[in-house]
Amino acid sequence: HPDKGTEMCLYELSVDEGYRRRGI
């Protein structure tokens, strides 16, 4: 944006169910 600069939007995060709770 002209008066703010550039920011990053984390649009989507997904971890396969079999790999969850491992810090991925």
PDB file of all heavy atoms in Angstrom:
ATOM      1  N   HIS A   1       0.855  -1.183   0.000  1.00  0.00           N
ATOM      2  CA  HIS A   1       0.000   0.000   0.000  1.00  0.00           C
ATOM      3  C   HIS A   1       0.889   1.229   0.000  1.00  0.00           C
ATOM      4  O   HIS A   1       1.946   1.230   0.641  1.00  0.00           O
ATOM      5  CB  HIS A   1      -0.915  -0.010   1.227  1.00  0.00           C
ATOM      6  CG  HIS A   1      -2.085   0.889   1.086  1.00  0.00           C
ATOM      7  ND1 HIS A   1      -2.055   2.213   1.442  1.00  0.00           N
ATOM      8  CD2 HIS A   1      -3.327   0.661   0.603  1.00  0.00           C
ATOM      9  CE1 HIS A   1      -3.225   2.768   1.200  1.00  0.00           C
ATOM     10  NE2 HIS A   1      -4.021   1.840   0.685  1.00  0.00           N
ATOM     11  N   PRO A   2       0.485   2.310  -0.700  1.00  0.00           N
ATOM     12  CA  PRO A   2       1.344   3.481  -0.831  1.00  0.00           C
ATOM     13  C   PRO A   2       1.756   4.131   0.501  1.00  0.00           C
ATOM     14  O   PRO A   2       2.833   4.709   0.588  1.00  0.00           O
ATOM     15  CB  PRO A   2       0.507   4.462  -1.667  1.00  0.00           C
ATOM     16  CG  PRO A   2      -0.483   3.623  -2.373  1.00  0.00           C
ATOM     17  CD  PRO A   2      -0.745   2.440  -1.497  1.00  0.00           C
ATOM     18  N   ASP A   3       0.908   4.060   1.523  1.00  0.00           N
ATOM     19  CA  ASP A   3       1.269   4.735   2.776  1.00  0.00           C
ATOM     20  C   ASP A   3       1.718   3.780   3.879  1.00  0.00           C
ATOM     21  O   ASP A   3       1.976   4.209   4.993  1.00  0.00           O
ATOM     22  CB  ASP A   3       0.104   5.601   3.280  1.00  0.00           C
ATOM     23  CG  ASP A   3      -1.065   4.781   3.784  1.00  0.00           C
ATOM     24  OD1 ASP A   3      -1.202   3.614   3.381  1.00  0.00           O
ATOM     25  OD2 ASP A   3      -1.849   5.318   4.585  1.00  0.00           O
ATOM     26  N   LYS A   4       1.810   2.496   3.570  1.00  0.00           N
ATOM     27  CA  LYS A   4       2.189   1.534   4.601  1.00  0.00           C
ATOM     28  C   LYS A   4       3.416   0.715   4.238  1.00  0.00           C
ATOM     29  O   LYS A   4       4.060   0.157   5.095  1.00  0.00           O
ATOM     30  CB  LYS A   4       1.013   0.576   4.882  1.00  0.00           C
ATOM     31  CG  LYS A   4      -0.175   1.267   5.516  1.00  0.00           C
ATOM     32  CD  LYS A   4      -1.344   0.295   5.631  1.00  0.00           C
ATOM     33  CE  LYS A   4      -2.575   0.998   6.124  1.00  0.00           C
ATOM     34  NZ  LYS A   4      -3.118   2.002   5.226  1.00  0.00           N
ATOM     35  N   GLY A   5       3.692   0.543   2.969  1.00  0.00           N
ATOM     36  CA  GLY A   5       4.745  -0.357   2.542  1.00  0.00           C
ATOM     37  C   GLY A   5       4.160  -1.723   2.255  1.00  0.00           C
ATOM     38  O   GLY A   5       2.987  -1.852   1.905  1.00  0.00           O
ATOM     39  N   THR A   6       4.954  -2.758   2.465  1.00  0.00           N
ATOM     40  CA  THR A   6       4.531  -4.116   2.119  1.00  0.00           C
ATOM     41  C   THR A   6       4.530  -4.992   3.360  1.00  0.00           C
ATOM     42  O   THR A   6       5.467  -4.971   4.148  1.00  0.00           O
ATOM     43  CB  THR A   6       5.474  -4.709   1.052  1.00  0.00           C
ATOM     44  OG1 THR A   6       5.478  -3.845  -0.082  1.00  0.00           O
ATOM     45  CG2 THR A   6       5.024  -6.093   0.626  1.00  0.00           C
ATOM     46  N   GLU A   7       3.452  -5.753   3.510  1.00  0.00           N
ATOM     47  CA  GLU A   7       3.359  -6.725   4.588  1.00  0.00           C
ATOM     48  C   GLU A   7       3.036  -8.080   3.978  1.00  0.00           C
ATOM     49  O   GLU A   7       2.579  -8.177   2.850  1.00  0.00           O
ATOM     50  CB  GLU A   7       2.294  -6.326   5.609  1.00  0.00           C
ATOM     51  CG  GLU A   7       0.892  -6.267   5.058  1.00  0.00           C
ATOM     52  CD  GLU A   7      -0.131  -5.765   6.062  1.00  0.00           C
ATOM     53  OE1 GLU A   7       0.088  -5.897   7.268  1.00  0.00           O
ATOM     54  OE2 GLU A   7      -1.161  -5.242   5.614  1.00  0.00           O
ATOM     55  N   MET A   8       3.280  -9.124   4.753  1.00  0.00           N
ATOM     56  CA  MET A   8       2.991 -10.480   4.291  1.00  0.00           C
ATOM     57  C   MET A   8       1.724 -10.967   4.969  1.00  0.00           C
ATOM     58  O   MET A   8       1.585 -10.867   6.194  1.00  0.00           O
ATOM     59  CB  MET A   8       4.152 -11.414   4.652  1.00  0.00           C
ATOM     60  CG  MET A   8       3.969 -12.857   4.206  1.00  0.00           C
ATOM     61  SD  MET A   8       3.938 -13.101   2.416  1.00  0.00           S
ATOM     62  CE  MET A   8       5.649 -12.770   1.989  1.00  0.00           C
ATOM     63  N   CYS A   9       0.819 -11.493   4.177  1.00  0.00           N
ATOM     64  CA  CYS A   9      -0.370 -12.159   4.697  1.00  0.00           C
ATOM     65  C   CYS A   9      -0.113 -13.657   4.655  1.00  0.00           C
ATOM     66  O   CYS A   9       0.176 -14.203   3.584  1.00  0.00           O
ATOM     67  CB  CYS A   9      -1.590 -11.812   3.848  1.00  0.00           C
ATOM     68  SG  CYS A   9      -3.036 -12.854   4.195  1.00  0.00           S
ATOM     69  N   LEU A  10      -0.167 -14.300   5.814  1.00  0.00           N
ATOM     70  CA  LEU A  10      -0.103 -15.758   5.854  1.00  0.00           C
ATOM     71  C   LEU A  10      -1.489 -16.214   5.407  1.00  0.00           C
ATOM     72  O   LEU A  10      -2.448 -16.110   6.147  1.00  0.00           O
ATOM     73  CB  LEU A  10       0.229 -16.264   7.255  1.00  0.00           C
ATOM     74  CG  LEU A  10       0.506 -17.760   7.395  1.00  0.00           C
ATOM     75  CD1 LEU A  10       1.275 -18.023   8.677  1.00  0.00           C
ATOM     76  CD2 LEU A  10      -0.728 -18.613   7.328  1.00  0.00           C
ATOM     77  N   TYR A  11      -1.573 -16.669   4.177  1.00  0.00           N
ATOM     78  CA  TYR A  11      -2.867 -16.968   3.584  1.00  0.00           C
ATOM     79  C   TYR A  11      -3.424 -18.299   4.062  1.00  0.00           C
ATOM     80  O   TYR A  11      -4.598 -18.413   4.382  1.00  0.00           O
ATOM     81  CB  TYR A  11      -2.761 -16.948   2.046  1.00  0.00           C
ATOM     82  CG  TYR A  11      -4.074 -17.142   1.362  1.00  0.00           C
ATOM     83  CD1 TYR A  11      -4.987 -16.109   1.295  1.00  0.00           C
ATOM     84  CD2 TYR A  11      -4.417 -18.366   0.809  1.00  0.00           C
ATOM     85  CE1 TYR A  11      -6.217 -16.289   0.677  1.00  0.00           C
ATOM     86  CE2 TYR A  11      -5.635 -18.553   0.194  1.00  0.00           C
ATOM     87  CZ  TYR A  11      -6.533 -17.513   0.132  1.00  0.00           C
ATOM     88  OH  TYR A  11      -7.737 -17.699  -0.468  1.00  0.00           O
ATOM     89  N   GLU A  12      -2.562 -19.330   4.094  1.00  0.00           N
ATOM     90  CA  GLU A  12      -3.051 -20.643   4.506  1.00  0.00           C
ATOM     91  C   GLU A  12      -1.900 -21.479   5.041  1.00  0.00           C
ATOM     92  O   GLU A  12      -0.789 -21.436   4.519  1.00  0.00           O
ATOM     93  CB  GLU A  12      -3.703 -21.355   3.314  1.00  0.00           C
ATOM     94  CG  GLU A  12      -4.435 -22.616   3.684  1.00  0.00           C
ATOM     95  CD  GLU A  12      -5.322 -23.136   2.555  1.00  0.00           C
ATOM     96  OE1 GLU A  12      -5.226 -22.645   1.418  1.00  0.00           O
ATOM     97  OE2 GLU A  12      -6.112 -24.041   2.832  1.00  0.00           O
ATOM     98  N   LEU A  13      -2.195 -22.225   6.082  1.00  0.00           N
ATOM     99  CA  LEU A  13      -1.243 -23.161   6.684  1.00  0.00           C
ATOM    100  C   LEU A  13      -1.939 -24.506   6.805  1.00  0.00           C
ATOM    101  O   LEU A  13      -3.089 -24.576   7.243  1.00  0.00           O
ATOM    102  CB  LEU A  13      -0.818 -22.671   8.070  1.00  0.00           C
ATOM    103  CG  LEU A  13       0.064 -23.605   8.896  1.00  0.00           C
ATOM    104  CD1 LEU A  13       1.457 -23.721   8.279  1.00  0.00           C
ATOM    105  CD2 LEU A  13       0.167 -23.092  10.324  1.00  0.00           C
ATOM    106  N   SER A  14      -1.242 -25.557   6.416  1.00  0.00           N
ATOM    107  CA  SER A  14      -1.823 -26.898   6.503  1.00  0.00           C
ATOM    108  C   SER A  14      -0.719 -27.902   6.816  1.00  0.00           C
ATOM    109  O   SER A  14       0.361 -27.847   6.224  1.00  0.00           O
ATOM    110  CB  SER A  14      -2.493 -27.273   5.175  1.00  0.00           C
ATOM    111  OG  SER A  14      -2.942 -28.613   5.189  1.00  0.00           O
ATOM    112  N   VAL A  15      -1.014 -28.799   7.743  1.00  0.00           N
ATOM    113  CA  VAL A  15      -0.110 -29.907   8.043  1.00  0.00           C
ATOM    114  C   VAL A  15      -0.932 -31.187   7.953  1.00  0.00           C
ATOM    115  O   VAL A  15      -2.019 -31.274   8.531  1.00  0.00           O
ATOM    116  CB  VAL A  15       0.531 -29.756   9.442  1.00  0.00           C
ATOM    117  CG1 VAL A  15       1.404 -30.969   9.768  1.00  0.00           C
ATOM    118  CG2 VAL A  15       1.357 -28.467   9.525  1.00  0.00           C
ATOM    119  N   ASP A  16      -0.414 -32.155   7.211  1.00  0.00           N
ATOM    120  CA  ASP A  16      -1.093 -33.437   7.077  1.00  0.00           C
ATOM    121  C   ASP A  16      -1.318 -34.031   8.467  1.00  0.00           C
ATOM    122  O   ASP A  16      -0.452 -33.960   9.336  1.00  0.00           O
ATOM    123  CB  ASP A  16      -0.234 -34.376   6.229  1.00  0.00           C
ATOM    124  CG  ASP A  16      -0.897 -35.709   6.014  1.00  0.00           C
ATOM    125  OD1 ASP A  16      -1.663 -35.856   5.042  1.00  0.00           O
ATOM    126  OD2 ASP A  16      -0.637 -36.622   6.836  1.00  0.00           O
ATOM    127  N   GLU A  17      -2.492 -34.610   8.643  1.00  0.00           N
ATOM    128  CA  GLU A  17      -2.878 -35.126   9.957  1.00  0.00           C
ATOM    129  C   GLU A  17      -1.835 -36.073  10.562  1.00  0.00           C
ATOM    130  O   GLU A  17      -1.568 -36.042  11.757  1.00  0.00           O
ATOM    131  CB  GLU A  17      -4.237 -35.831   9.863  1.00  0.00           C
ATOM    132  CG  GLU A  17      -4.837 -36.120  11.217  1.00  0.00           C
ATOM    133  CD  GLU A  17      -6.277 -36.596  11.130  1.00  0.00           C
ATOM    134  OE1 GLU A  17      -6.994 -36.198  10.193  1.00  0.00           O
ATOM    135  OE2 GLU A  17      -6.662 -37.370  12.022  1.00  0.00           O
ATOM    136  N   GLY A  18      -1.213 -36.883   9.742  1.00  0.00           N
ATOM    137  CA  GLY A  18      -0.225 -37.835  10.233  1.00  0.00           C
ATOM    138  C   GLY A  18       1.075 -37.204  10.699  1.00  0.00           C
ATOM    139  O   GLY A  18       1.907 -37.872  11.321  1.00  0.00           O
ATOM    140  N   TYR A  19       1.270 -35.908  10.408  1.00  0.00           N
ATOM    141  CA  TYR A  19       2.505 -35.219  10.775  1.00  0.00           C
ATOM    142  C   TYR A  19       2.289 -34.103  11.797  1.00  0.00           C
ATOM    143  O   TYR A  19       3.210 -33.355  12.102  1.00  0.00           O
ATOM    144  CB  TYR A  19       3.156 -34.626   9.522  1.00  0.00           C
ATOM    145  CG  TYR A  19       3.647 -35.680   8.562  1.00  0.00           C
ATOM    146  CD1 TYR A  19       2.852 -36.081   7.489  1.00  0.00           C
ATOM    147  CD2 TYR A  19       4.879 -36.289   8.736  1.00  0.00           C
ATOM    148  CE1 TYR A  19       3.298 -37.059   6.601  1.00  0.00           C
ATOM    149  CE2 TYR A  19       5.332 -37.257   7.861  1.00  0.00           C
ATOM    150  CZ  TYR A  19       4.535 -37.636   6.799  1.00  0.00           C
ATOM    151  OH  TYR A  19       4.974 -38.599   5.928  1.00  0.00           O
ATOM    152  N   ARG A  20       1.096 -33.999  12.327  1.00  0.00           N
ATOM    153  CA  ARG A  20       0.796 -32.922  13.273  1.00  0.00           C
ATOM    154  C   ARG A  20       1.466 -33.156  14.624  1.00  0.00           C
ATOM    155  O   ARG A  20       1.846 -34.267  14.961  1.00  0.00           O
ATOM    156  CB  ARG A  20      -0.721 -32.788  13.435  1.00  0.00           C
ATOM    157  CG  ARG A  20      -1.352 -32.250  12.163  1.00  0.00           C
ATOM    158  CD  ARG A  20      -2.836 -32.055  12.282  1.00  0.00           C
ATOM    159  NE  ARG A  20      -3.354 -31.650  10.972  1.00  0.00           N
ATOM    160  CZ  ARG A  20      -4.620 -31.687  10.641  1.00  0.00           C
ATOM    161  NH1 ARG A  20      -5.522 -32.086  11.510  1.00  0.00           N
ATOM    162  NH2 ARG A  20      -4.989 -31.306   9.438  1.00  0.00           N
ATOM    163  N   ARG A  21       1.603 -32.056  15.370  1.00  0.00           N
ATOM    164  CA  ARG A  21       2.179 -32.054  16.720  1.00  0.00           C
ATOM    165  C   ARG A  21       3.668 -32.398  16.711  1.00  0.00           C
ATOM    166  O   ARG A  21       4.200 -32.945  17.661  1.00  0.00           O
ATOM    167  CB  ARG A  21       1.408 -32.964  17.661  1.00  0.00           C
ATOM    168  CG  ARG A  21      -0.076 -32.705  17.613  1.00  0.00           C
ATOM    169  CD  ARG A  21      -0.869 -32.474  18.851  1.00  0.00           C
ATOM    170  NE  ARG A  21      -0.222 -32.297  20.099  1.00  0.00           N
ATOM    171  CZ  ARG A  21      -0.203 -31.149  20.796  1.00  0.00           C
ATOM    172  NH1 ARG A  21      -0.760 -30.080  20.297  1.00  0.00           N
ATOM    173  NH2 ARG A  21       0.354 -31.090  21.963  1.00  0.00           N
ATOM    174  N   ARG A  22       4.336 -32.037  15.606  1.00  0.00           N
ATOM    175  CA  ARG A  22       5.782 -32.248  15.488  1.00  0.00           C
ATOM    176  C   ARG A  22       6.530 -30.938  15.264  1.00  0.00           C
ATOM    177  O   ARG A  22       7.726 -30.950  14.977  1.00  0.00           O
ATOM    178  CB  ARG A  22       6.094 -33.179  14.314  1.00  0.00           C
ATOM    179  CG  ARG A  22       5.515 -34.571  14.444  1.00  0.00           C
ATOM    180  CD  ARG A  22       5.991 -35.425  13.298  1.00  0.00           C
ATOM    181  NE  ARG A  22       5.263 -36.674  13.202  1.00  0.00           N
ATOM    182  CZ  ARG A  22       5.562 -37.623  12.346  1.00  0.00           C
ATOM    183  NH1 ARG A  22       6.573 -37.488  11.515  1.00  0.00           N
ATOM    184  NH2 ARG A  22       4.848 -38.734  12.320  1.00  0.00           N
ATOM    185  N   GLY A  23       5.801 -29.811  15.318  1.00  0.00           N
ATOM    186  CA  GLY A  23       6.439 -28.508  15.108  1.00  0.00           C
ATOM    187  C   GLY A  23       6.524 -28.079  13.656  1.00  0.00           C
ATOM    188  O   GLY A  23       7.151 -27.060  13.350  1.00  0.00           O
ATOM    189  N   ILE A  24       5.894 -28.812  12.767  1.00  0.00           N
ATOM    190  CA  ILE A  24       5.970 -28.475  11.338  1.00  0.00           C
ATOM    191  C   ILE A  24       5.242 -27.169  11.044  1.00  0.00           C
ATOM    192  O   ILE A  24       5.751 -26.315  10.308  1.00  0.00           O
ATOM    193  CB  ILE A  24       5.426 -29.638  10.478  1.00  0.00           C
ATOM    194  CG1 ILE A  24       6.356 -30.846  10.622  1.00  0.00           C
ATOM    195  CG2 ILE A  24       5.269 -29.225   9.019  1.00  0.00           C
ATOM    196  CD1 ILE A  24       5.838 -32.115   9.986  1.00  0.00           C
TER     197      ILE A  24
END
